[in-house]
């Protein structure tokens, strides 16, 4: 198992993130669920660090951020102190953005596409989505009522709602019923829209470039 993790960390990271998408809705509404939520978050942080180790990114930066976020999540799980949530989310947002950048550098490092690099395409996208969801958590803590929704508009938005907003915004599907209403929240959403467009443009140009390189020898013949 450890050798598989080292060989294809991006695949495990992507799989863990997709699994967590299915588990999150069942973990938000109870104390036990929130504790398991923290445990799941710690597991994902470990997979993020492993993915960064495979990339050109600095592993010690990922480890430092991962340890800080893990400590905050553990304290939250043990004490039930929700006031630490913006702090842990802020650290996690930085870690996920750093890891996404490291995976993008990993994909662009050479002219060969490995199976793990293909998984890294999806993992980098989900890392950015996670990062902005955590940014929205911090924004909501600093400026309450930054986001509203069709259901219970006066309540703070849950993690799943903010993650849903992040995915629909990053992918430009526009299906989210969660809406930013304060100016700074809208600025953050616009930044994520630019990030989504830039990522797709980078990925398409990368694939086109590899296609041209693969056909160049045949063209000379």
C-alpha atoms as a PDB file:
ATOM      1  CA  UNK A   1       0.000   0.000   0.000  1.00  0.00           C
ATOM      2  CA  UNK A   2       2.732   2.587   0.820  1.00  0.00           C
ATOM      3  CA  UNK A   3       4.439   1.903  -2.525  1.00  0.00           C
ATOM      4  CA  UNK A   4       1.153   2.462  -4.357  1.00  0.00           C
ATOM      5  CA  UNK A   5       0.654   5.724  -2.494  1.00  0.00           C
ATOM      6  CA  UNK A   6       4.122   6.899  -3.478  1.00  0.00           C
ATOM      7  CA  UNK A   7       3.720   5.803  -7.095  1.00  0.00           C
ATOM      8  CA  UNK A   8       0.365   7.473  -7.770  1.00  0.00           C
ATOM      9  CA  UNK A   9      -0.368   9.969  -4.966  1.00  0.00           C
ATOM     10  CA  UNK A  10      -2.502  12.163  -7.225  1.00  0.00           C
ATOM     11  CA  UNK A  11      -4.874   9.270  -7.887  1.00  0.00           C
ATOM     12  CA  UNK A  12      -5.312   8.630  -4.174  1.00  0.00           C
ATOM     13  CA  UNK A  13      -5.800  12.320  -3.489  1.00  0.00           C
ATOM     14  CA  UNK A  14      -8.453  12.629  -6.186  1.00  0.00           C
ATOM     15  CA  UNK A  15     -10.184   9.473  -4.977  1.00  0.00           C
ATOM     16  CA  UNK A  16     -10.160  10.706  -1.388  1.00  0.00           C
ATOM     17  CA  UNK A  17     -11.625  14.048  -2.387  1.00  0.00           C
ATOM     18  CA  UNK A  18     -14.389  12.457  -4.465  1.00  0.00           C
ATOM     19  CA  UNK A  19     -15.225  10.068  -1.613  1.00  0.00           C
ATOM     20  CA  UNK A  20     -15.389  12.953   0.837  1.00  0.00           C
ATOM     21  CA  UNK A  21     -17.903  14.718  -1.419  1.00  0.00           C
ATOM     22  CA  UNK A  22     -20.268  11.808  -0.807  1.00  0.00           C
ATOM     23  CA  UNK A  23     -19.578  11.639   2.933  1.00  0.00           C
ATOM     24  CA  UNK A  24     -19.684  15.329   3.874  1.00  0.00           C
ATOM     25  CA  UNK A  25     -23.515  15.663   3.771  1.00  0.00           C
ATOM     26  CA  UNK A  26     -23.856  12.913   6.415  1.00  0.00           C
ATOM     27  CA  UNK A  27     -21.284  14.433   8.806  1.00  0.00           C
ATOM     28  CA  UNK A  28     -22.444  18.015   9.279  1.00  0.00           C
ATOM     29  CA  UNK A  29     -25.486  17.681  11.507  1.00  0.00           C
ATOM     30  CA  UNK A  30     -24.186  15.917  14.634  1.00  0.00           C
ATOM     31  CA  UNK A  31     -21.308  16.212  17.107  1.00  0.00           C
ATOM     32  CA  UNK A  32     -20.005  12.765  16.167  1.00  0.00           C
ATOM     33  CA  UNK A  33     -20.314  13.610  12.500  1.00  0.00           C
ATOM     34  CA  UNK A  34     -18.349  16.818  12.947  1.00  0.00           C
ATOM     35  CA  UNK A  35     -15.604  14.905  14.764  1.00  0.00           C
ATOM     36  CA  UNK A  36     -15.444  12.419  11.883  1.00  0.00           C
ATOM     37  CA  UNK A  37     -15.470  15.402   9.549  1.00  0.00           C
ATOM     38  CA  UNK A  38     -12.250  16.599  11.196  1.00  0.00           C
ATOM     39  CA  UNK A  39     -10.699  13.128  10.944  1.00  0.00           C
ATOM     40  CA  UNK A  40     -11.568  13.003   7.244  1.00  0.00           C
ATOM     41  CA  UNK A  41     -10.045  16.438   6.789  1.00  0.00           C
ATOM     42  CA  UNK A  42      -6.813  15.273   8.436  1.00  0.00           C
ATOM     43  CA  UNK A  43      -6.674  12.242   6.130  1.00  0.00           C
ATOM     44  CA  UNK A  44      -7.069  14.499   3.102  1.00  0.00           C
ATOM     45  CA  UNK A  45      -4.291  16.755   4.391  1.00  0.00           C
ATOM     46  CA  UNK A  46      -1.975  13.742   4.499  1.00  0.00           C
ATOM     47  CA  UNK A  47      -2.829  12.876   0.896  1.00  0.00           C
ATOM     48  CA  UNK A  48      -2.184  16.480  -0.126  1.00  0.00           C
ATOM     49  CA  UNK A  49       1.296  16.362   1.426  1.00  0.00           C
ATOM     50  CA  UNK A  50       2.044  13.089  -0.392  1.00  0.00           C
ATOM     51  CA  UNK A  51       0.953  14.616  -3.693  1.00  0.00           C
ATOM     52  CA  UNK A  52       3.234  17.614  -3.159  1.00  0.00           C
ATOM     53  CA  UNK A  53       6.179  15.261  -2.481  1.00  0.00           C
ATOM     54  CA  UNK A  54       5.752  13.865  -6.007  1.00  0.00           C
ATOM     55  CA  UNK A  55       5.750  17.361  -7.509  1.00  0.00           C
ATOM     56  CA  UNK A  56       8.443  20.055  -7.848  1.00  0.00           C
ATOM     57  CA  UNK A  57       6.864  21.830  -4.843  1.00  0.00           C
ATOM     58  CA  UNK A  58       8.727  22.167  -1.541  1.00  0.00           C
ATOM     59  CA  UNK A  59       7.627  19.324   0.709  1.00  0.00           C
ATOM     60  CA  UNK A  60       8.551  21.143   3.928  1.00  0.00           C
ATOM     61  CA  UNK A  61       6.110  23.940   3.097  1.00  0.00           C
ATOM     62  CA  UNK A  62       3.279  21.446   2.639  1.00  0.00           C
ATOM     63  CA  UNK A  63       4.275  19.587   5.816  1.00  0.00           C
ATOM     64  CA  UNK A  64       4.377  22.810   7.848  1.00  0.00           C
ATOM     65  CA  UNK A  65       0.954  23.916   6.620  1.00  0.00           C
ATOM     66  CA  UNK A  66      -0.442  20.398   6.988  1.00  0.00           C
ATOM     67  CA  UNK A  67       0.753  20.072  10.589  1.00  0.00           C
ATOM     68  CA  UNK A  68      -0.695  23.486  11.503  1.00  0.00           C
ATOM     69  CA  UNK A  69      -4.063  22.640   9.961  1.00  0.00           C
ATOM     70  CA  UNK A  70      -4.073  19.175  11.561  1.00  0.00           C
ATOM     71  CA  UNK A  71      -3.443  20.605  15.036  1.00  0.00           C
ATOM     72  CA  UNK A  72      -6.280  23.084  14.611  1.00  0.00           C
ATOM     73  CA  UNK A  73      -8.636  20.372  13.363  1.00  0.00           C
ATOM     74  CA  UNK A  74      -7.723  18.091  16.280  1.00  0.00           C
ATOM     75  CA  UNK A  75      -8.340  20.847  18.796  1.00  0.00           C
ATOM     76  CA  UNK A  76     -11.707  21.535  17.167  1.00  0.00           C
ATOM     77  CA  UNK A  77     -12.639  17.856  17.282  1.00  0.00           C
ATOM     78  CA  UNK A  78     -11.661  17.487  20.957  1.00  0.00           C
ATOM     79  CA  UNK A  79     -13.027  20.768  22.318  1.00  0.00           C
ATOM     80  CA  UNK A  80     -15.876  21.420  19.890  1.00  0.00           C
ATOM     81  CA  UNK A  81     -14.641  25.007  19.603  1.00  0.00           C
ATOM     82  CA  UNK A  82     -16.110  26.316  16.356  1.00  0.00           C
ATOM     83  CA  UNK A  83     -14.262  29.627  16.757  1.00  0.00           C
ATOM     84  CA  UNK A  84     -11.136  27.904  15.455  1.00  0.00           C
ATOM     85  CA  UNK A  85     -12.846  27.061  12.163  1.00  0.00           C
ATOM     86  CA  UNK A  86     -11.827  30.262  10.309  1.00  0.00           C
ATOM     87  CA  UNK A  87      -8.212  29.756  11.396  1.00  0.00           C
ATOM     88  CA  UNK A  88      -8.034  26.134  10.253  1.00  0.00           C
ATOM     89  CA  UNK A  89      -9.838  27.028   7.038  1.00  0.00           C
ATOM     90  CA  UNK A  90      -7.373  29.829   6.350  1.00  0.00           C
ATOM     91  CA  UNK A  91      -4.401  27.493   6.750  1.00  0.00           C
ATOM     92  CA  UNK A  92      -6.069  24.800   4.649  1.00  0.00           C
ATOM     93  CA  UNK A  93      -6.848  27.306   1.890  1.00  0.00           C
ATOM     94  CA  UNK A  94      -3.170  28.245   1.656  1.00  0.00           C
ATOM     95  CA  UNK A  95      -2.128  24.572   1.675  1.00  0.00           C
ATOM     96  CA  UNK A  96      -4.607  23.581  -1.039  1.00  0.00           C
ATOM     97  CA  UNK A  97      -3.619  26.482  -3.289  1.00  0.00           C
ATOM     98  CA  UNK A  98       0.054  25.663  -2.811  1.00  0.00           C
ATOM     99  CA  UNK A  99      -0.583  21.996  -3.551  1.00  0.00           C
ATOM    100  CA  UNK A 100      -2.602  22.874  -6.649  1.00  0.00           C
ATOM    101  CA  UNK A 101       0.268  25.015  -7.923  1.00  0.00           C
ATOM    102  CA  UNK A 102       2.727  22.201  -7.213  1.00  0.00           C
ATOM    103  CA  UNK A 103       0.591  19.690  -9.133  1.00  0.00           C
ATOM    104  CA  UNK A 104       0.296  22.072 -12.086  1.00  0.00           C
ATOM    105  CA  UNK A 105       4.095  22.443 -12.120  1.00  0.00           C
ATOM    106  CA  UNK A 106       4.317  18.638 -11.930  1.00  0.00           C
ATOM    107  CA  UNK A 107       2.089  18.295 -15.005  1.00  0.00           C
ATOM    108  CA  UNK A 108       4.078  20.873 -16.968  1.00  0.00           C
ATOM    109  CA  UNK A 109       7.534  19.613 -15.962  1.00  0.00           C
ATOM    110  CA  UNK A 110       8.117  17.403 -19.024  1.00  0.00           C
ATOM    111  CA  UNK A 111       6.666  16.380 -22.369  1.00  0.00           C
ATOM    112  CA  UNK A 112       5.473  12.967 -21.277  1.00  0.00           C
ATOM    113  CA  UNK A 113       2.105  12.298 -19.672  1.00  0.00           C
ATOM    114  CA  UNK A 114       2.070   9.596 -17.025  1.00  0.00           C
ATOM    115  CA  UNK A 115      -1.026   8.019 -15.532  1.00  0.00           C
ATOM    116  CA  UNK A 116      -0.471   9.884 -12.265  1.00  0.00           C
ATOM    117  CA  UNK A 117      -0.273  13.181 -14.170  1.00  0.00           C
ATOM    118  CA  UNK A 118      -3.691  12.463 -15.671  1.00  0.00           C
ATOM    119  CA  UNK A 119      -5.076  12.016 -12.165  1.00  0.00           C
ATOM    120  CA  UNK A 120      -3.253  15.204 -11.182  1.00  0.00           C
ATOM    121  CA  UNK A 121      -5.391  17.108 -13.714  1.00  0.00           C
ATOM    122  CA  UNK A 122      -8.508  16.303 -11.689  1.00  0.00           C
ATOM    123  CA  UNK A 123      -6.780  16.563  -8.310  1.00  0.00           C
ATOM    124  CA  UNK A 124      -5.472  20.070  -9.031  1.00  0.00           C
ATOM    125  CA  UNK A 125      -8.959  21.207 -10.047  1.00  0.00           C
ATOM    126  CA  UNK A 126     -10.549  19.837  -6.881  1.00  0.00           C
ATOM    127  CA  UNK A 127      -7.770  21.329  -4.748  1.00  0.00           C
ATOM    128  CA  UNK A 128      -8.576  24.792  -6.092  1.00  0.00           C
ATOM    129  CA  UNK A 129     -12.278  24.181  -5.437  1.00  0.00           C
ATOM    130  CA  UNK A 130     -11.514  23.110  -1.858  1.00  0.00           C
ATOM    131  CA  UNK A 131      -9.222  26.107  -1.345  1.00  0.00           C
ATOM    132  CA  UNK A 132     -11.841  28.643  -2.382  1.00  0.00           C
ATOM    133  CA  UNK A 133     -14.491  26.892  -0.280  1.00  0.00           C
ATOM    134  CA  UNK A 134     -12.207  27.408   2.734  1.00  0.00           C
ATOM    135  CA  UNK A 135     -11.685  31.028   1.684  1.00  0.00           C
ATOM    136  CA  UNK A 136     -15.467  31.435   1.694  1.00  0.00           C
ATOM    137  CA  UNK A 137     -15.599  29.964   5.214  1.00  0.00           C
ATOM    138  CA  UNK A 138     -13.137  32.629   6.373  1.00  0.00           C
ATOM    139  CA  UNK A 139     -15.044  35.339   4.528  1.00  0.00           C
ATOM    140  CA  UNK A 140     -18.326  34.283   6.137  1.00  0.00           C
ATOM    141  CA  UNK A 141     -16.713  34.293   9.598  1.00  0.00           C
ATOM    142  CA  UNK A 142     -15.263  37.774   9.129  1.00  0.00           C
ATOM    143  CA  UNK A 143     -18.333  39.213   7.390  1.00  0.00           C
ATOM    144  CA  UNK A 144     -21.519  37.337   8.375  1.00  0.00           C
ATOM    145  CA  UNK A 145     -24.300  37.166   5.785  1.00  0.00           C
ATOM    146  CA  UNK A 146     -21.797  37.374   2.930  1.00  0.00           C
ATOM    147  CA  UNK A 147     -23.646  34.497   1.256  1.00  0.00           C
ATOM    148  CA  UNK A 148     -27.354  33.764   1.060  1.00  0.00           C
ATOM    149  CA  UNK A 149     -29.316  30.840  -0.337  1.00  0.00           C
ATOM    150  CA  UNK A 150     -32.856  30.041  -1.334  1.00  0.00           C
ATOM    151  CA  UNK A 151     -33.266  27.783   1.730  1.00  0.00           C
ATOM    152  CA  UNK A 152     -32.853  29.426   5.154  1.00  0.00           C
ATOM    153  CA  UNK A 153     -31.352  32.624   3.698  1.00  0.00           C
ATOM    154  CA  UNK A 154     -30.618  34.122   7.117  1.00  0.00           C
ATOM    155  CA  UNK A 155     -28.470  31.233   8.355  1.00  0.00           C
ATOM    156  CA  UNK A 156     -24.708  30.855   7.862  1.00  0.00           C
ATOM    157  CA  UNK A 157     -23.965  28.659   4.895  1.00  0.00           C
ATOM    158  CA  UNK A 158     -22.718  25.160   5.658  1.00  0.00           C
ATOM    159  CA  UNK A 159     -19.454  23.662   4.399  1.00  0.00           C
ATOM    160  CA  UNK A 160     -21.268  21.585   1.788  1.00  0.00           C
ATOM    161  CA  UNK A 161     -23.104  24.676   0.509  1.00  0.00           C
ATOM    162  CA  UNK A 162     -19.878  26.673   0.211  1.00  0.00           C
ATOM    163  CA  UNK A 163     -18.095  23.760  -1.446  1.00  0.00           C
ATOM    164  CA  UNK A 164     -21.026  23.444  -3.863  1.00  0.00           C
ATOM    165  CA  UNK A 165     -20.737  27.160  -4.636  1.00  0.00           C
ATOM    166  CA  UNK A 166     -17.004  26.742  -5.225  1.00  0.00           C
ATOM    167  CA  UNK A 167     -17.368  23.805  -7.629  1.00  0.00           C
ATOM    168  CA  UNK A 168     -20.168  25.380  -9.658  1.00  0.00           C
ATOM    169  CA  UNK A 169     -18.290  28.662  -9.801  1.00  0.00           C
ATOM    170  CA  UNK A 170     -14.912  27.150 -10.720  1.00  0.00           C
ATOM    171  CA  UNK A 171     -16.451  24.962 -13.422  1.00  0.00           C
ATOM    172  CA  UNK A 172     -18.605  27.862 -14.708  1.00  0.00           C
ATOM    173  CA  UNK A 173     -21.758  25.719 -14.632  1.00  0.00           C
ATOM    174  CA  UNK A 174     -23.614  28.393 -12.666  1.00  0.00           C
ATOM    175  CA  UNK A 175     -25.954  25.928 -10.954  1.00  0.00           C
ATOM    176  CA  UNK A 176     -25.444  27.078  -7.375  1.00  0.00           C
ATOM    177  CA  UNK A 177     -28.327  28.540  -5.375  1.00  0.00           C
ATOM    178  CA  UNK A 178     -25.784  30.032  -2.949  1.00  0.00           C
ATOM    179  CA  UNK A 179     -25.159  33.657  -3.873  1.00  0.00           C
ATOM    180  CA  UNK A 180     -22.526  36.146  -2.673  1.00  0.00           C
ATOM    181  CA  UNK A 181     -24.215  39.371  -1.648  1.00  0.00           C
ATOM    182  CA  UNK A 182     -21.480  41.452  -0.033  1.00  0.00           C
ATOM    183  CA  UNK A 183     -18.889  43.224  -2.202  1.00  0.00           C
ATOM    184  CA  UNK A 184     -15.805  41.380  -0.910  1.00  0.00           C
ATOM    185  CA  UNK A 185     -17.530  38.002  -1.206  1.00  0.00           C
ATOM    186  CA  UNK A 186     -18.364  38.828  -4.806  1.00  0.00           C
ATOM    187  CA  UNK A 187     -14.722  39.783  -5.421  1.00  0.00           C
ATOM    188  CA  UNK A 188     -13.609  36.379  -4.142  1.00  0.00           C
ATOM    189  CA  UNK A 189     -16.113  34.648  -6.413  1.00  0.00           C
ATOM    190  CA  UNK A 190     -14.811  36.608  -9.401  1.00  0.00           C
ATOM    191  CA  UNK A 191     -11.245  35.592  -8.558  1.00  0.00           C
ATOM    192  CA  UNK A 192     -12.316  31.957  -8.558  1.00  0.00           C
ATOM    193  CA  UNK A 193     -14.017  32.400 -11.907  1.00  0.00           C
ATOM    194  CA  UNK A 194     -10.730  33.716 -13.341  1.00  0.00           C
ATOM    195  CA  UNK A 195      -8.863  30.786 -11.781  1.00  0.00           C
ATOM    196  CA  UNK A 196     -11.261  28.314 -13.397  1.00  0.00           C
ATOM    197  CA  UNK A 197     -10.916  29.880 -16.825  1.00  0.00           C
ATOM    198  CA  UNK A 198      -7.125  30.082 -16.522  1.00  0.00           C
ATOM    199  CA  UNK A 199      -6.895  26.432 -15.483  1.00  0.00           C
ATOM    200  CA  UNK A 200      -9.010  25.216 -18.384  1.00  0.00           C
ATOM    201  CA  UNK A 201      -7.042  27.394 -20.837  1.00  0.00           C
ATOM    202  CA  UNK A 202      -3.752  26.056 -19.453  1.00  0.00           C
ATOM    203  CA  UNK A 203      -4.940  22.460 -19.670  1.00  0.00           C
ATOM    204  CA  UNK A 204      -6.198  22.818 -23.249  1.00  0.00           C
ATOM    205  CA  UNK A 205      -3.001  24.531 -24.421  1.00  0.00           C
ATOM    206  CA  UNK A 206      -0.956  21.808 -22.723  1.00  0.00           C
ATOM    207  CA  UNK A 207      -2.851  19.031 -24.472  1.00  0.00           C
ATOM    208  CA  UNK A 208      -2.646  20.784 -27.843  1.00  0.00           C
ATOM    209  CA  UNK A 209       1.092  21.330 -27.369  1.00  0.00           C
ATOM    210  CA  UNK A 210       1.676  17.664 -26.564  1.00  0.00           C
ATOM    211  CA  UNK A 211      -0.365  16.658 -29.604  1.00  0.00           C
ATOM    212  CA  UNK A 212       1.768  18.861 -31.853  1.00  0.00           C
ATOM    213  CA  UNK A 213       4.981  17.450 -30.368  1.00  0.00           C
ATOM    214  CA  UNK A 214       3.775  13.876 -30.823  1.00  0.00           C
ATOM    215  CA  UNK A 215       3.026  14.492 -34.504  1.00  0.00           C
ATOM    216  CA  UNK A 216       6.192  16.463 -35.286  1.00  0.00           C
ATOM    217  CA  UNK A 217       8.448  13.444 -36.080  1.00  0.00           C
ATOM    218  CA  UNK A 218       5.785  11.992 -38.355  1.00  0.00           C
ATOM    219  CA  UNK A 219       5.434  15.324 -40.113  1.00  0.00           C
ATOM    220  CA  UNK A 220       9.188  15.385 -40.856  1.00  0.00           C
ATOM    221  CA  UNK A 221       8.972  11.949 -42.417  1.00  0.00           C
END
